[in-house]
Amino acid sequence: MDLPRRTCARLTFVPQHRPCLEESLGRLQEFIDQSRRLFVLTGAGISTESGIPDYRSEGVGLYATSTKRPVQFKVFMESAKARQSYWARNYVGWQRFSSVRPNSAHLALAAWEPSGGGPVHCIVTQNVDRLHHKALSTNIYELHGSAFSVVCMKCERAVTRHSFQHQLRRLNPHVHERSEELRPDGDVELSQEAVSAFRVPLCESCGGGIMKPDIVFFGDNVPRLRVEAVKRELAKCDSLLVLGSSLHVYSGYRFILKGAELGLRMCGVNIGVTRADPHLLFRVNARCGEVLPRITL
């Protein structure tokens, strides 16, 4: 069956895959039916169907299609040029990134909450795109922070990313670049000329602080209190479902290890192998947006 053109465009960043097998769908249905308090761990693969690329997907992720790599925390904090480059690219990409809508997988999860008769106790996402919030899920932990907030690294004052966008616009009225490209954290590719003329403000409150998106950059650590809060939620649950994540990085994988230690029933939906596979009862090798809406409560 041919997919509509708009759907095909949204699947640009989804790796090649086959349709979900009915047998696999049946196993997941049984898993959900037997879950009373479900801990859901989501990764970039749940958002690729909304048009946001990820880093590691075979053939279509950033690492497979570009030599560009995300900025490291240490580099961002120590280099004014790195911050200038980051904010210039993020400024141009923000309108598109911030307007991305949740897909059928996000919406299905929202419908699985107790208010709808479902088993979802909490959602822990490794994504910074706020798509679970837009889908109206409630008990959400943003493990790696959110692109929708900016924080001063000196006085810790936080502002919304939208208000910071207005501040950047006032300082850079000469910037009119547009880009159809979008990268995993919302930035785009820009010419060196456009980057070198870009002005980045310091904190308006303390006057000297570096403004950084409230995101856990590569090379940084998830705040300890956030990790402990998520572990407390995990201890309240009887099952764990991982969606759209290879769990390549330890920040998310640690909850698989903890779930195994607690004796939780665990399964996953992801295109391709995951680091968690040895701990899972099974993994459905398919798109989250194809599978989740077919589960009935």
Protein backbone atom coordinates (compact mmCIF):
# COMPACT_ATOMS: atom_id res chain seq x y z
CA MET A 1 0.00 0.00 0.00
CA ASP A 2 1.35 3.42 -0.95
CA LEU A 3 1.66 5.89 1.92
CA PRO A 4 0.42 9.50 1.55
CA ARG A 5 3.13 11.97 0.56
CA ARG A 6 2.90 13.82 3.90
CA THR A 7 3.38 10.56 5.80
CA CYS A 8 6.38 9.63 3.64
CA ALA A 9 7.96 13.02 4.43
CA ARG A 10 7.55 12.41 8.15
CA LEU A 11 9.26 9.03 7.81
CA THR A 12 12.37 10.51 6.20
CA PHE A 13 14.35 9.95 9.39
CA VAL A 14 12.95 6.48 10.15
CA PRO A 15 15.39 3.68 9.22
CA GLN A 16 14.35 0.93 6.82
CA HIS A 17 12.10 -1.63 8.46
CA ARG A 18 9.37 -4.17 7.85
CA PRO A 19 5.76 -3.99 9.04
CA CYS A 20 5.03 -5.26 12.52
CA LEU A 21 4.25 -8.96 12.70
CA GLU A 22 0.88 -9.88 14.17
CA GLU A 23 2.59 -12.31 16.53
CA SER A 24 4.78 -9.51 17.91
CA LEU A 25 1.78 -7.24 18.29
CA GLY A 26 -0.04 -9.97 20.20
CA ARG A 27 2.88 -10.39 22.61
CA LEU A 28 2.94 -6.65 23.30
CA GLN A 29 -0.84 -6.59 23.81
CA GLU A 30 -0.51 -9.36 26.39
CA PHE A 31 2.37 -7.51 28.09
CA ILE A 32 0.30 -4.30 28.39
CA ASP A 33 -2.77 -6.23 29.58
CA GLN A 34 -0.72 -7.73 32.42
CA SER A 35 0.87 -4.42 33.44
CA ARG A 36 -0.59 -2.54 36.38
CA ARG A 37 2.00 0.22 36.83
CA LEU A 38 4.02 0.74 33.66
CA PHE A 39 7.29 2.68 33.51
CA VAL A 40 7.83 3.98 29.96
CA LEU A 41 11.32 4.96 28.77
CA THR A 42 11.40 6.78 25.42
CA GLY A 43 14.23 7.76 23.09
CA ALA A 44 14.80 9.65 19.86
CA GLY A 45 13.22 6.88 17.79
CA ILE A 46 9.75 7.85 19.00
CA SER A 47 10.20 11.38 17.61
CA THR A 48 11.70 10.56 14.20
CA GLU A 49 8.14 10.01 12.94
CA SER A 50 7.43 13.65 13.80
CA GLY A 51 10.28 14.72 11.51
CA ILE A 52 13.08 15.13 14.07
CA PRO A 53 16.21 13.16 13.11
CA ASP A 54 18.16 11.16 15.66
CA TYR A 55 21.87 10.50 16.01
CA ARG A 56 22.33 6.76 15.56
CA SER A 57 19.66 5.32 13.23
CA GLU A 58 21.22 3.22 10.49
CA GLY A 59 21.42 5.10 7.20
CA VAL A 60 19.38 8.14 8.27
CA GLY A 61 20.74 9.34 11.64
CA LEU A 62 23.10 12.31 11.96
CA TYR A 63 26.13 10.08 12.48
CA ALA A 64 25.37 8.22 9.24
CA THR A 65 24.63 11.25 7.08
CA SER A 66 27.02 13.95 8.35
CA THR A 67 30.47 14.50 9.80
CA LYS A 68 28.99 17.08 12.19
CA ARG A 69 28.85 16.16 15.86
CA PRO A 70 26.95 17.74 18.78
CA VAL A 71 28.85 20.27 20.85
CA GLN A 72 30.47 18.95 24.02
CA PHE A 73 29.62 20.56 27.36
CA LYS A 74 33.24 21.49 28.10
CA VAL A 75 33.69 23.10 24.67
CA PHE A 76 30.45 25.09 25.02
CA MET A 77 31.44 26.46 28.41
CA GLU A 78 35.05 27.32 27.50
CA SER A 79 34.70 28.68 23.95
CA ALA A 80 32.86 31.88 23.03
CA LYS A 81 33.12 30.88 19.38
CA ALA A 82 31.48 27.52 20.10
CA ARG A 83 28.60 29.29 21.87
CA GLN A 84 28.28 31.76 18.99
CA SER A 85 28.10 28.89 16.50
CA TYR A 86 25.62 26.93 18.63
CA TRP A 87 23.20 29.82 19.20
CA ALA A 88 23.35 31.07 15.60
CA ARG A 89 22.39 27.65 14.26
CA ASN A 90 19.81 27.07 16.98
CA TYR A 91 18.27 30.51 16.40
CA VAL A 92 17.60 29.74 12.73
CA GLY A 93 16.28 26.26 13.46
CA TRP A 94 14.12 27.16 16.47
CA GLN A 95 10.89 28.09 14.70
CA ARG A 96 10.73 24.78 12.91
CA PHE A 97 11.91 22.66 15.85
CA SER A 98 9.52 24.27 18.33
CA SER A 99 6.53 23.80 16.01
CA VAL A 100 6.98 20.03 15.54
CA ARG A 101 3.87 18.12 16.55
CA PRO A 102 3.51 14.81 18.42
CA ASN A 103 2.84 11.73 16.32
CA SER A 104 0.54 8.75 16.82
CA ALA A 105 2.95 7.09 19.27
CA HIS A 106 3.00 10.12 21.61
CA LEU A 107 -0.79 10.38 21.41
CA ALA A 108 -1.27 6.68 22.12
CA LEU A 109 0.90 6.90 25.25
CA ALA A 110 -1.12 9.85 26.51
CA ALA A 111 -4.27 7.73 26.13
CA TRP A 112 -2.67 4.92 28.16
CA GLU A 113 -2.64 6.96 31.37
CA PRO A 114 -4.82 5.93 34.34
CA SER A 115 -7.38 8.63 33.50
CA GLY A 116 -8.05 6.70 30.29
CA GLY A 117 -8.02 3.31 31.99
CA GLY A 118 -4.41 2.56 31.06
CA PRO A 119 -1.41 1.32 33.03
CA VAL A 120 1.16 4.11 32.42
CA HIS A 121 2.56 5.31 35.74
CA CYS A 122 5.21 7.64 34.33
CA ILE A 123 7.09 8.51 31.16
CA VAL A 124 10.84 9.07 31.32
CA THR A 125 12.07 10.57 28.07
CA GLN A 126 15.62 11.02 26.83
CA ASN A 127 14.28 13.58 24.32
CA VAL A 128 14.36 17.35 24.72
CA ASP A 129 11.53 18.13 22.24
CA ARG A 130 8.56 18.38 24.64
CA LEU A 131 6.43 16.19 22.36
CA HIS A 132 5.07 14.15 25.27
CA HIS A 133 3.88 17.39 26.86
CA LYS A 134 2.27 18.47 23.60
CA ALA A 135 0.47 15.12 23.47
CA LEU A 136 -0.90 15.92 26.97
CA SER A 137 0.83 13.17 28.91
CA THR A 138 1.22 14.20 32.55
CA ASN A 139 3.76 12.41 34.77
CA ILE A 140 6.84 13.10 32.61
CA TYR A 141 10.52 13.15 33.56
CA GLU A 142 12.83 14.84 31.04
CA LEU A 143 16.02 12.93 31.71
CA HIS A 144 18.22 15.11 29.50
CA GLY A 145 16.38 18.37 30.13
CA SER A 146 14.39 20.45 27.68
CA ALA A 147 15.23 22.61 24.68
CA PHE A 148 12.34 24.86 25.70
CA SER A 149 14.23 26.37 28.63
CA VAL A 150 17.50 28.37 28.86
CA VAL A 151 19.46 28.77 32.08
CA CYS A 152 22.24 31.08 33.27
CA MET A 153 25.26 29.04 34.30
CA LYS A 154 26.24 31.68 36.89
CA CYS A 155 23.09 32.76 38.75
CA GLU A 156 20.90 29.84 37.58
CA ARG A 157 18.08 32.11 36.41
CA ALA A 158 15.92 30.29 33.87
CA VAL A 159 13.96 31.81 30.97
CA THR A 160 11.80 30.20 28.34
CA ARG A 161 13.44 29.43 25.03
CA HIS A 162 10.74 31.49 23.28
CA SER A 163 11.63 34.60 25.30
CA PHE A 164 15.33 34.00 24.63
CA GLN A 165 14.50 33.80 20.92
CA HIS A 166 13.06 37.33 21.12
CA GLN A 167 16.25 38.50 22.80
CA LEU A 168 18.38 36.93 20.08
CA ARG A 169 16.19 38.51 17.40
CA ARG A 170 16.66 41.99 18.88
CA LEU A 171 20.44 41.55 18.81
CA ASN A 172 20.53 40.02 15.33
CA PRO A 173 18.02 41.82 13.09
CA HIS A 174 20.37 41.18 10.15
CA VAL A 175 19.89 37.40 10.29
CA HIS A 176 17.35 36.27 7.70
CA GLU A 177 18.65 32.77 6.94
CA ARG A 178 16.17 29.95 6.52
CA SER A 179 16.91 26.26 6.43
CA GLU A 180 14.88 23.18 5.52
CA GLU A 181 17.42 21.02 7.31
CA LEU A 182 16.90 20.10 10.95
CA ARG A 183 19.29 18.31 13.28
CA PRO A 184 18.46 16.28 16.40
CA ASP A 185 18.68 19.15 18.92
CA GLY A 186 16.99 21.71 16.70
CA ASP A 187 19.95 23.41 15.06
CA VAL A 188 20.74 23.75 11.35
CA GLU A 189 23.75 24.18 9.11
CA LEU A 190 24.83 27.81 8.53
CA SER A 191 27.60 29.52 6.60
CA GLN A 192 30.63 30.74 8.56
CA GLU A 193 29.75 34.27 7.48
CA ALA A 194 26.34 34.05 9.13
CA VAL A 195 27.82 32.56 12.30
CA SER A 196 30.68 35.07 12.67
CA ALA A 197 28.30 38.05 12.69
CA PHE A 198 25.93 36.55 15.27
CA ARG A 199 25.68 38.22 18.69
CA VAL A 200 25.02 36.15 21.82
CA PRO A 201 23.76 37.86 24.99
CA LEU A 202 24.90 37.16 28.52
CA CYS A 203 22.40 36.77 31.35
CA GLU A 204 20.15 39.83 31.71
CA SER A 205 19.82 39.17 35.44
CA CYS A 206 23.42 38.92 36.66
CA GLY A 207 25.01 40.55 33.62
CA GLY A 208 27.84 38.08 33.17
CA GLY A 209 26.50 34.54 33.10
CA ILE A 210 26.69 32.21 30.10
CA MET A 211 23.26 31.29 28.78
CA LYS A 212 22.90 27.60 28.00
CA PRO A 213 19.89 25.52 26.95
CA ASP A 214 18.63 23.46 29.88
CA ILE A 215 19.88 20.31 28.19
CA VAL A 216 22.38 17.70 29.36
CA PHE A 217 25.06 18.12 26.70
CA PHE A 218 27.37 15.33 25.62
CA GLY A 219 30.16 15.13 28.20
CA ASP A 220 27.90 16.32 31.03
CA ASN A 221 25.97 14.28 33.59
CA VAL A 222 22.27 13.95 34.37
CA PRO A 223 21.68 15.72 37.73
CA ARG A 224 21.85 13.22 40.59
CA LEU A 225 18.55 14.32 42.15
CA ARG A 226 16.78 13.75 38.82
CA VAL A 227 18.22 10.24 38.55
CA GLU A 228 17.16 9.42 42.10
CA ALA A 229 13.64 10.71 41.49
CA VAL A 230 13.30 8.49 38.42
CA LYS A 231 14.59 5.48 40.35
CA ARG A 232 11.92 6.07 43.00
CA GLU A 233 9.26 6.04 40.28
CA LEU A 234 10.72 2.85 38.82
CA ALA A 235 10.50 1.14 42.21
CA LYS A 236 6.73 1.76 42.22
CA CYS A 237 6.23 -0.08 38.92
CA ASP A 238 5.79 -3.72 37.92
CA SER A 239 6.83 -3.44 34.27
CA LEU A 240 8.98 -1.37 31.93
CA LEU A 241 8.49 -0.56 28.25
CA VAL A 242 11.32 1.05 26.28
CA LEU A 243 10.33 2.84 23.07
CA GLY A 244 12.53 4.10 20.24
CA SER A 245 15.93 3.87 21.91
CA SER A 246 19.07 1.84 21.31
CA LEU A 247 20.05 2.77 24.89
CA HIS A 248 23.58 3.33 23.67
CA VAL A 249 24.25 5.88 26.41
CA TYR A 250 24.32 4.88 30.06
CA SER A 251 21.99 7.66 31.25
CA GLY A 252 18.98 5.69 30.01
CA TYR A 253 20.43 2.19 30.14
CA ARG A 254 20.93 2.44 33.93
CA PHE A 255 17.15 2.11 34.37
CA ILE A 256 17.15 -1.16 32.45
CA LEU A 257 19.80 -2.46 34.84
CA LYS A 258 17.79 -1.22 37.81
CA GLY A 259 14.62 -2.76 36.39
CA ALA A 260 16.37 -6.10 36.04
CA GLU A 261 17.59 -5.81 39.63
CA LEU A 262 14.02 -5.16 40.79
CA GLY A 263 12.69 -8.12 38.80
CA LEU A 264 10.45 -6.05 36.52
CA ARG A 265 8.93 -7.49 33.36
CA MET A 266 10.50 -5.54 30.49
CA CYS A 267 10.06 -5.33 26.73
CA GLY A 268 10.72 -2.83 23.94
CA VAL A 269 9.67 -1.43 20.59
CA ASN A 270 12.57 -0.29 18.42
CA ILE A 271 13.86 -0.67 14.88
CA GLY A 272 17.15 -2.49 15.34
CA VAL A 273 18.99 -4.06 18.25
CA THR A 274 19.29 -2.32 21.59
CA ARG A 275 21.75 -2.52 24.45
CA ALA A 276 18.87 -3.73 26.62
CA ASP A 277 17.95 -6.76 24.49
CA PRO A 278 19.54 -9.35 26.86
CA HIS A 279 17.30 -8.04 29.67
CA LEU A 280 14.04 -7.84 27.69
CA LEU A 281 11.37 -10.51 27.42
CA PHE A 282 11.11 -9.53 23.75
CA ARG A 283 11.52 -6.58 21.40
CA VAL A 284 9.09 -5.59 18.66
CA ASN A 285 11.19 -4.63 15.63
CA ALA A 286 8.90 -1.93 14.21
CA ARG A 287 7.92 1.74 14.27
CA CYS A 288 6.44 2.99 17.53
CA GLY A 289 3.83 4.93 15.56
CA GLU A 290 2.70 1.78 13.78
CA VAL A 291 2.56 -0.39 16.90
CA LEU A 292 1.25 1.65 19.82
CA PRO A 293 -2.05 2.84 18.28
CA ARG A 294 -2.96 -0.81 17.63
CA ILE A 295 -2.84 -1.73 21.32
CA THR A 296 -6.26 -1.76 22.97
CA LEU A 297 -6.91 -1.09 26.65
